[in-house]
Amino acid sequence: MKPDDLHLVRSLPMFAKVTDAQLSVLVARGSLQRYPRGTLLFNEGEQADFLMVLLEGGVELFARDQDDNEAVVDILFPVDSFILAAALTGAPYLMSARTLVPSRILLLETGAFRRAVAADPDLSTPVMAELAQHFRRLVRQIKDLKLRTGVQRLGCYVLALAGPADEVMLPFDKRILASRLGMTAENLSRAFSALRDQGLSVQGSRLVIQDRERLVAFSRPAPLIDSAEGPLSIIAD
């Protein structure tokens, strides 16, 4: 693996303190793969053979019902790991994964990863913190779905995506956004129309916040749901 790629892997907090020798062992038992857009990486119910680390591109995690209707559970961008719990426990995947765009993904063999976690506190402690972060992200998503209307969820999403900027481009198509927000495509279209009266201009994938104060007052973003959370650390008293 190239030094630049190893640097990307080390940018994940759970690999930041792992020795070069230990990281080399993990990488040697894995592989770096390129996938075109729309590649199905795995299906829910399958066994986890690899921990996956997204180095470039984008991945959607989704689930299907018995009628093959899909719902997006999460959307990932670099650098991020995914399916960590399944990789640690050997339990089947609870979600499927598919690339949103051409992507590079490091596949780390789960057996080697579990042995390294069991043997090395410099890896096991950050892994616990990573699991805690994934859990907290899921709780935020549940609160977003349970405590807000669809229009408010969309407004808060736009505000978080834009940050301090007044103009932003959607990073993926509206079908995926609708599913991620727990809405149908038709309801998403209605929600965008409703937000036009709350200070948002919609021009295809280009969104312009024309009245931030009004959009904030309507959407009511909350720090414990919408604010980005930095890496967590395990506190040892």
C-alpha atoms as a PDB file:
ATOM      1  CA  MET A   1       0.000   0.000   0.000  1.00  0.00           C
ATOM      2  CA  LYS A   2       1.241   3.483  -0.856  1.00  0.00           C
ATOM      3  CA  PRO A   3       2.343   5.792   1.984  1.00  0.00           C
ATOM      4  CA  ASP A   4      -0.447   8.247   1.150  1.00  0.00           C
ATOM      5  CA  ASP A   5      -3.016   5.480   1.582  1.00  0.00           C
ATOM      6  CA  LEU A   6      -1.495   4.411   4.897  1.00  0.00           C
ATOM      7  CA  HIS A   7      -1.729   8.034   5.995  1.00  0.00           C
ATOM      8  CA  LEU A   8      -5.443   7.988   5.148  1.00  0.00           C
ATOM      9  CA  VAL A   9      -5.931   4.815   7.190  1.00  0.00           C
ATOM     10  CA  ARG A  10      -4.116   6.387  10.137  1.00  0.00           C
ATOM     11  CA  SER A  11      -6.434   9.406   9.936  1.00  0.00           C
ATOM     12  CA  LEU A  12      -9.085   7.153  11.484  1.00  0.00           C
ATOM     13  CA  PRO A  13      -8.762   7.552  15.270  1.00  0.00           C
ATOM     14  CA  MET A  14      -8.874   3.794  15.882  1.00  0.00           C
ATOM     15  CA  PHE A  15      -5.699   3.299  13.823  1.00  0.00           C
ATOM     16  CA  ALA A  16      -3.861   6.440  14.926  1.00  0.00           C
ATOM     17  CA  LYS A  17      -1.745   4.771  17.639  1.00  0.00           C
ATOM     18  CA  VAL A  18      -1.265   1.340  16.101  1.00  0.00           C
ATOM     19  CA  THR A  19       2.403   0.535  15.454  1.00  0.00           C
ATOM     20  CA  ASP A  20       3.697   0.439  11.903  1.00  0.00           C
ATOM     21  CA  ALA A  21       4.348  -3.287  12.300  1.00  0.00           C
ATOM     22  CA  GLN A  22       0.808  -4.029  13.483  1.00  0.00           C
ATOM     23  CA  LEU A  23      -0.755  -1.929  10.750  1.00  0.00           C
ATOM     24  CA  SER A  24       1.422  -3.646   8.166  1.00  0.00           C
ATOM     25  CA  VAL A  25       0.157  -7.046   9.354  1.00  0.00           C
ATOM     26  CA  LEU A  26      -3.459  -5.909   9.061  1.00  0.00           C
ATOM     27  CA  VAL A  27      -2.957  -4.402   5.619  1.00  0.00           C
ATOM     28  CA  ALA A  28      -1.036  -7.455   4.390  1.00  0.00           C
ATOM     29  CA  ARG A  29      -4.049  -9.646   5.223  1.00  0.00           C
ATOM     30  CA  GLY A  30      -6.378  -7.303   3.357  1.00  0.00           C
ATOM     31  CA  SER A  31      -6.681  -5.682  -0.036  1.00  0.00           C
ATOM     32  CA  LEU A  32      -7.303  -2.252  -1.518  1.00  0.00           C
ATOM     33  CA  GLN A  33     -10.077  -2.366  -4.093  1.00  0.00           C
ATOM     34  CA  ARG A  34     -11.567   0.053  -6.614  1.00  0.00           C
ATOM     35  CA  TYR A  35     -15.302  -0.151  -7.259  1.00  0.00           C
ATOM     36  CA  PRO A  36     -17.392   1.608  -9.904  1.00  0.00           C
ATOM     37  CA  ARG A  37     -20.544   3.495  -9.002  1.00  0.00           C
ATOM     38  CA  GLY A  38     -23.470   1.274  -8.041  1.00  0.00           C
ATOM     39  CA  THR A  39     -21.401  -1.735  -6.935  1.00  0.00           C
ATOM     40  CA  LEU A  40     -23.139  -3.892  -4.327  1.00  0.00           C
ATOM     41  CA  LEU A  41     -20.481  -4.535  -1.684  1.00  0.00           C
ATOM     42  CA  PHE A  42     -22.493  -6.971   0.416  1.00  0.00           C
ATOM     43  CA  ASN A  43     -26.056  -7.948   1.286  1.00  0.00           C
ATOM     44  CA  GLU A  44     -27.701  -7.920   4.687  1.00  0.00           C
ATOM     45  CA  GLY A  45     -27.691 -11.383   6.215  1.00  0.00           C
ATOM     46  CA  GLU A  46     -24.263 -12.301   4.827  1.00  0.00           C
ATOM     47  CA  GLN A  47     -21.344 -13.002   7.134  1.00  0.00           C
ATOM     48  CA  ALA A  48     -18.744 -10.289   7.631  1.00  0.00           C
ATOM     49  CA  ASP A  49     -15.441 -11.375   6.112  1.00  0.00           C
ATOM     50  CA  PHE A  50     -13.871  -7.906   6.104  1.00  0.00           C
ATOM     51  CA  LEU A  51     -13.844  -4.636   7.977  1.00  0.00           C
ATOM     52  CA  MET A  52     -14.201  -1.973   5.302  1.00  0.00           C
ATOM     53  CA  VAL A  53     -12.433   1.387   5.301  1.00  0.00           C
ATOM     54  CA  LEU A  54     -13.648   3.939   2.778  1.00  0.00           C
ATOM     55  CA  LEU A  55     -10.656   5.899   1.459  1.00  0.00           C
ATOM     56  CA  GLU A  56     -12.242   7.596  -1.563  1.00  0.00           C
ATOM     57  CA  GLY A  57     -15.768   7.936  -2.910  1.00  0.00           C
ATOM     58  CA  GLY A  58     -19.056   7.361  -1.106  1.00  0.00           C
ATOM     59  CA  VAL A  59     -21.132   4.450   0.189  1.00  0.00           C
ATOM     60  CA  GLU A  60     -24.792   4.072   1.096  1.00  0.00           C
ATOM     61  CA  LEU A  61     -25.870   1.601   3.764  1.00  0.00           C
ATOM     62  CA  PHE A  62     -29.425   0.443   3.166  1.00  0.00           C
ATOM     63  CA  ALA A  63     -31.985  -2.209   4.065  1.00  0.00           C
ATOM     64  CA  ARG A  64     -34.752  -3.935   2.116  1.00  0.00           C
ATOM     65  CA  ASP A  65     -38.157  -5.205   3.146  1.00  0.00           C
ATOM     66  CA  GLN A  66     -39.750  -8.410   1.863  1.00  0.00           C
ATOM     67  CA  ASP A  67     -41.072  -6.556  -1.189  1.00  0.00           C
ATOM     68  CA  ASP A  68     -37.567  -5.284  -2.065  1.00  0.00           C
ATOM     69  CA  ASN A  69     -38.381  -1.703  -1.077  1.00  0.00           C
ATOM     70  CA  GLU A  70     -35.185   0.030   0.049  1.00  0.00           C
ATOM     71  CA  ALA A  71     -34.484   2.481   2.857  1.00  0.00           C
ATOM     72  CA  VAL A  72     -31.158   4.262   3.250  1.00  0.00           C
ATOM     73  CA  VAL A  73     -29.824   3.868   6.792  1.00  0.00           C
ATOM     74  CA  ASP A  74     -26.639   5.913   6.470  1.00  0.00           C
ATOM     75  CA  ILE A  75     -24.398   7.597   3.924  1.00  0.00           C
ATOM     76  CA  LEU A  76     -20.626   7.507   4.355  1.00  0.00           C
ATOM     77  CA  PHE A  77     -17.824   9.649   2.990  1.00  0.00           C
ATOM     78  CA  PRO A  78     -14.031   9.300   3.424  1.00  0.00           C
ATOM     79  CA  VAL A  79     -12.337   8.503   5.609  1.00  0.00           C
ATOM     80  CA  ASP A  80     -14.645   6.171   7.517  1.00  0.00           C
ATOM     81  CA  SER A  81     -14.948   2.541   8.544  1.00  0.00           C
ATOM     82  CA  PHE A  82     -18.183   0.641   8.318  1.00  0.00           C
ATOM     83  CA  ILE A  83     -19.758  -2.557   9.610  1.00  0.00           C
ATOM     84  CA  LEU A  84     -17.370  -2.495  12.576  1.00  0.00           C
ATOM     85  CA  ALA A  85     -19.762  -4.325  14.933  1.00  0.00           C
ATOM     86  CA  ALA A  86     -20.260  -7.195  12.467  1.00  0.00           C
ATOM     87  CA  ALA A  87     -16.519  -7.405  11.827  1.00  0.00           C
ATOM     88  CA  LEU A  88     -15.815  -7.703  15.557  1.00  0.00           C
ATOM     89  CA  THR A  89     -18.529 -10.210  16.425  1.00  0.00           C
ATOM     90  CA  GLY A  90     -18.875 -12.299  13.276  1.00  0.00           C
ATOM     91  CA  ALA A  91     -22.606 -11.561  13.302  1.00  0.00           C
ATOM     92  CA  PRO A  92     -24.372 -11.226   9.936  1.00  0.00           C
ATOM     93  CA  TYR A  93     -24.670  -7.835   8.295  1.00  0.00           C
ATOM     94  CA  LEU A  94     -27.819  -5.960   9.320  1.00  0.00           C
ATOM     95  CA  MET A  95     -27.549  -3.713   6.256  1.00  0.00           C
ATOM     96  CA  SER A  96     -26.451  -3.887   2.641  1.00  0.00           C
ATOM     97  CA  ALA A  97     -23.858  -1.536   1.151  1.00  0.00           C
ATOM     98  CA  ARG A  98     -23.494   0.009  -2.300  1.00  0.00           C
ATOM     99  CA  THR A  99     -21.117   2.579  -3.768  1.00  0.00           C
ATOM    100  CA  LEU A 100     -22.617   5.961  -4.632  1.00  0.00           C
ATOM    101  CA  VAL A 101     -19.697   6.994  -6.820  1.00  0.00           C
ATOM    102  CA  PRO A 102     -16.439   5.340  -7.942  1.00  0.00           C
ATOM    103  CA  SER A 103     -14.767   4.402  -4.668  1.00  0.00           C
ATOM    104  CA  ARG A 104     -11.590   2.978  -3.158  1.00  0.00           C
ATOM    105  CA  ILE A 105     -12.122   0.726  -0.167  1.00  0.00           C
ATOM    106  CA  LEU A 106      -9.608  -1.075   2.026  1.00  0.00           C
ATOM    107  CA  LEU A 107     -10.789  -4.554   3.029  1.00  0.00           C
ATOM    108  CA  LEU A 108      -9.259  -5.772   6.301  1.00  0.00           C
ATOM    109  CA  GLU A 109      -9.703  -9.491   7.020  1.00  0.00           C
ATOM    110  CA  THR A 110     -11.885  -9.832  10.106  1.00  0.00           C
ATOM    111  CA  GLY A 111      -9.912 -12.660  11.730  1.00  0.00           C
ATOM    112  CA  ALA A 112      -6.673 -10.693  11.649  1.00  0.00           C
ATOM    113  CA  PHE A 113      -8.504  -7.577  12.829  1.00  0.00           C
ATOM    114  CA  ARG A 114     -10.100  -9.355  15.802  1.00  0.00           C
ATOM    115  CA  ARG A 115      -6.775 -10.878  16.848  1.00  0.00           C
ATOM    116  CA  ALA A 116      -5.135  -7.462  16.699  1.00  0.00           C
ATOM    117  CA  VAL A 117      -7.934  -5.900  18.772  1.00  0.00           C
ATOM    118  CA  ALA A 118      -7.618  -8.639  21.403  1.00  0.00           C
ATOM    119  CA  ALA A 119      -3.837  -8.285  21.632  1.00  0.00           C
ATOM    120  CA  ASP A 120      -3.228  -4.545  21.390  1.00  0.00           C
ATOM    121  CA  PRO A 121      -4.710  -1.955  23.810  1.00  0.00           C
ATOM    122  CA  ASP A 122      -3.590   0.784  21.410  1.00  0.00           C
ATOM    123  CA  LEU A 123      -6.156  -0.651  19.008  1.00  0.00           C
ATOM    124  CA  SER A 124      -8.847  -2.068  21.308  1.00  0.00           C
ATOM    125  CA  THR A 125      -9.434   1.159  23.228  1.00  0.00           C
ATOM    126  CA  PRO A 126      -9.914   3.332  20.109  1.00  0.00           C
ATOM    127  CA  VAL A 127     -12.145   0.606  18.627  1.00  0.00           C
ATOM    128  CA  MET A 128     -14.423   0.925  21.667  1.00  0.00           C
ATOM    129  CA  ALA A 129     -14.514   4.682  21.103  1.00  0.00           C
ATOM    130  CA  GLU A 130     -15.343   4.132  17.422  1.00  0.00           C
ATOM    131  CA  LEU A 131     -18.240   1.846  18.345  1.00  0.00           C
ATOM    132  CA  ALA A 132     -19.479   4.470  20.789  1.00  0.00           C
ATOM    133  CA  GLN A 133     -19.331   7.088  18.044  1.00  0.00           C
ATOM    134  CA  HIS A 134     -21.317   4.883  15.648  1.00  0.00           C
ATOM    135  CA  PHE A 135     -23.929   4.327  18.366  1.00  0.00           C
ATOM    136  CA  ARG A 136     -24.242   8.039  19.084  1.00  0.00           C
ATOM    137  CA  ARG A 137     -24.612   8.780  15.370  1.00  0.00           C
ATOM    138  CA  LEU A 138     -27.454   6.264  15.200  1.00  0.00           C
ATOM    139  CA  VAL A 139     -29.180   7.846  18.217  1.00  0.00           C
ATOM    140  CA  ARG A 140     -28.973  11.245  16.508  1.00  0.00           C
ATOM    141  CA  GLN A 141     -30.621   9.797  13.408  1.00  0.00           C
ATOM    142  CA  ILE A 142     -33.416   8.238  15.480  1.00  0.00           C
ATOM    143  CA  LYS A 143     -34.063  11.537  17.273  1.00  0.00           C
ATOM    144  CA  ASP A 144     -34.133  13.329  13.928  1.00  0.00           C
ATOM    145  CA  LEU A 145     -36.757  10.881  12.609  1.00  0.00           C
ATOM    146  CA  LYS A 146     -38.881  10.786  15.767  1.00  0.00           C
ATOM    147  CA  LEU A 147     -38.894  14.423  16.866  1.00  0.00           C
ATOM    148  CA  ARG A 148     -39.272  16.331  13.582  1.00  0.00           C
ATOM    149  CA  THR A 149     -41.591  16.586  10.636  1.00  0.00           C
ATOM    150  CA  GLY A 150     -40.230  15.634   7.231  1.00  0.00           C
ATOM    151  CA  VAL A 151     -39.964  19.287   6.227  1.00  0.00           C
ATOM    152  CA  GLN A 152     -38.023  20.116   9.405  1.00  0.00           C
ATOM    153  CA  ARG A 153     -35.678  17.171   8.810  1.00  0.00           C
ATOM    154  CA  LEU A 154     -34.950  18.461   5.323  1.00  0.00           C
ATOM    155  CA  GLY A 155     -34.402  22.008   6.593  1.00  0.00           C
ATOM    156  CA  CYS A 156     -31.980  20.829   9.275  1.00  0.00           C
ATOM    157  CA  TYR A 157     -30.165  18.652   6.748  1.00  0.00           C
ATOM    158  CA  VAL A 158     -29.703  21.608   4.386  1.00  0.00           C
ATOM    159  CA  LEU A 159     -28.451  23.837   7.210  1.00  0.00           C
ATOM    160  CA  ALA A 160     -25.948  21.197   8.368  1.00  0.00           C
ATOM    161  CA  LEU A 161     -24.797  20.525   4.809  1.00  0.00           C
ATOM    162  CA  ALA A 162     -24.312  24.210   4.022  1.00  0.00           C
ATOM    163  CA  GLY A 163     -22.607  25.160   7.283  1.00  0.00           C
ATOM    164  CA  PRO A 164     -21.854  28.897   7.197  1.00  0.00           C
ATOM    165  CA  ALA A 165     -22.250  29.060   3.394  1.00  0.00           C
ATOM    166  CA  ASP A 166     -25.445  30.296   1.782  1.00  0.00           C
ATOM    167  CA  GLU A 167     -25.154  28.020  -1.248  1.00  0.00           C
ATOM    168  CA  VAL A 168     -24.539  24.279  -1.445  1.00  0.00           C
ATOM    169  CA  MET A 169     -24.838  21.398  -3.914  1.00  0.00           C
ATOM    170  CA  LEU A 170     -26.512  18.128  -2.954  1.00  0.00           C
ATOM    171  CA  PRO A 171     -23.757  15.457  -2.861  1.00  0.00           C
ATOM    172  CA  PHE A 172     -26.052  12.713  -4.203  1.00  0.00           C
ATOM    173  CA  ASP A 173     -29.350  12.407  -6.033  1.00  0.00           C
ATOM    174  CA  LYS A 174     -32.671  13.257  -4.432  1.00  0.00           C
ATOM    175  CA  ARG A 175     -33.857   9.625  -4.387  1.00  0.00           C
ATOM    176  CA  ILE A 176     -31.111   8.768  -1.922  1.00  0.00           C
ATOM    177  CA  LEU A 177     -31.727  11.920   0.118  1.00  0.00           C
ATOM    178  CA  ALA A 178     -35.438  11.107   0.382  1.00  0.00           C
ATOM    179  CA  SER A 179     -34.725   7.614   1.670  1.00  0.00           C
ATOM    180  CA  ARG A 180     -32.067   8.872   4.091  1.00  0.00           C
ATOM    181  CA  LEU A 181     -34.594  11.320   5.566  1.00  0.00           C
ATOM    182  CA  GLY A 182     -37.328   8.680   5.825  1.00  0.00           C
ATOM    183  CA  MET A 183     -39.452  10.163   3.043  1.00  0.00           C
ATOM    184  CA  THR A 184     -40.801   9.177  -0.346  1.00  0.00           C
ATOM    185  CA  ALA A 185     -39.534  11.019  -3.419  1.00  0.00           C
ATOM    186  CA  GLU A 186     -42.931  12.710  -3.709  1.00  0.00           C
ATOM    187  CA  ASN A 187     -42.839  13.890  -0.092  1.00  0.00           C
ATOM    188  CA  LEU A 188     -39.302  15.187  -0.565  1.00  0.00           C
ATOM    189  CA  SER A 189     -40.475  17.266  -3.522  1.00  0.00           C
ATOM    190  CA  ARG A 190     -43.305  18.672  -1.394  1.00  0.00           C
ATOM    191  CA  ALA A 191     -40.860  19.400   1.427  1.00  0.00           C
ATOM    192  CA  PHE A 192     -38.581  21.363  -0.899  1.00  0.00           C
ATOM    193  CA  SER A 193     -41.615  23.328  -2.089  1.00  0.00           C
ATOM    194  CA  ALA A 194     -42.587  24.073   1.520  1.00  0.00           C
ATOM    195  CA  LEU A 195     -39.078  25.315   2.317  1.00  0.00           C
ATOM    196  CA  ARG A 196     -39.293  27.856  -0.500  1.00  0.00           C
ATOM    197  CA  ASP A 197     -41.614  29.776   1.826  1.00  0.00           C
ATOM    198  CA  GLN A 198     -39.022  29.478   4.605  1.00  0.00           C
ATOM    199  CA  GLY A 199     -36.059  31.074   2.860  1.00  0.00           C
ATOM    200  CA  LEU A 200     -34.674  28.273   0.671  1.00  0.00           C
ATOM    201  CA  SER A 201     -34.273  28.501  -3.104  1.00  0.00           C
ATOM    202  CA  VAL A 202     -34.062  25.168  -4.945  1.00  0.00           C
ATOM    203  CA  GLN A 203     -32.492  25.017  -8.404  1.00  0.00           C
ATOM    204  CA  GLY A 204     -32.069  21.329  -9.225  1.00  0.00           C
ATOM    205  CA  SER A 205     -29.243  20.080  -6.995  1.00  0.00           C
ATOM    206  CA  ARG A 206     -28.210  23.650  -6.148  1.00  0.00           C
ATOM    207  CA  LEU A 207     -29.646  24.986  -2.891  1.00  0.00           C
ATOM    208  CA  VAL A 208     -29.460  28.652  -1.916  1.00  0.00           C
ATOM    209  CA  ILE A 209     -30.310  29.857   1.586  1.00  0.00           C
ATOM    210  CA  GLN A 210     -31.889  33.251   0.974  1.00  0.00           C
ATOM    211  CA  ASP A 211     -33.209  33.834   4.497  1.00  0.00           C
ATOM    212  CA  ARG A 212     -31.144  31.895   7.033  1.00  0.00           C
ATOM    213  CA  GLU A 213     -32.905  33.334  10.070  1.00  0.00           C
ATOM    214  CA  ARG A 214     -36.298  32.242   8.767  1.00  0.00           C
ATOM    215  CA  LEU A 215     -35.065  28.777   7.773  1.00  0.00           C
ATOM    216  CA  VAL A 216     -33.468  28.253  11.195  1.00  0.00           C
ATOM    217  CA  ALA A 217     -36.600  29.440  13.015  1.00  0.00           C
ATOM    218  CA  PHE A 218     -38.736  26.986  11.054  1.00  0.00           C
ATOM    219  CA  SER A 219     -36.402  23.956  11.069  1.00  0.00           C
ATOM    220  CA  ARG A 220     -35.209  24.392  14.678  1.00  0.00           C
ATOM    221  CA  PRO A 221     -31.792  22.695  14.503  1.00  0.00           C
ATOM    222  CA  ALA A 222     -30.558  21.290  17.820  1.00  0.00           C
ATOM    223  CA  PRO A 223     -26.909  20.806  18.844  1.00  0.00           C
ATOM    224  CA  LEU A 224     -27.508  17.312  20.271  1.00  0.00           C
ATOM    225  CA  ILE A 225     -28.906  16.163  16.929  1.00  0.00           C
ATOM    226  CA  ASP A 226     -27.260  18.250  14.238  1.00  0.00           C
ATOM    227  CA  SER A 227     -23.845  19.373  15.463  1.00  0.00           C
ATOM    228  CA  ALA A 228     -20.900  17.364  14.180  1.00  0.00           C
ATOM    229  CA  GLU A 229     -19.163  15.434  16.946  1.00  0.00           C
ATOM    230  CA  GLY A 230     -15.416  15.008  16.930  1.00  0.00           C
ATOM    231  CA  PRO A 231     -13.597  11.757  17.732  1.00  0.00           C
ATOM    232  CA  LEU A 232     -14.450  10.278  21.122  1.00  0.00           C
ATOM    233  CA  SER A 233     -11.991   8.938  23.683  1.00  0.00           C
ATOM    234  CA  ILE A 234     -12.497   6.256  26.315  1.00  0.00           C
ATOM    235  CA  ILE A 235     -12.060   7.791  29.773  1.00  0.00           C
ATOM    236  CA  ALA A 236     -10.189   5.567  32.228  1.00  0.00           C
ATOM    237  CA  ASP A 237     -10.678   6.717  35.828  1.00  0.00           C
END
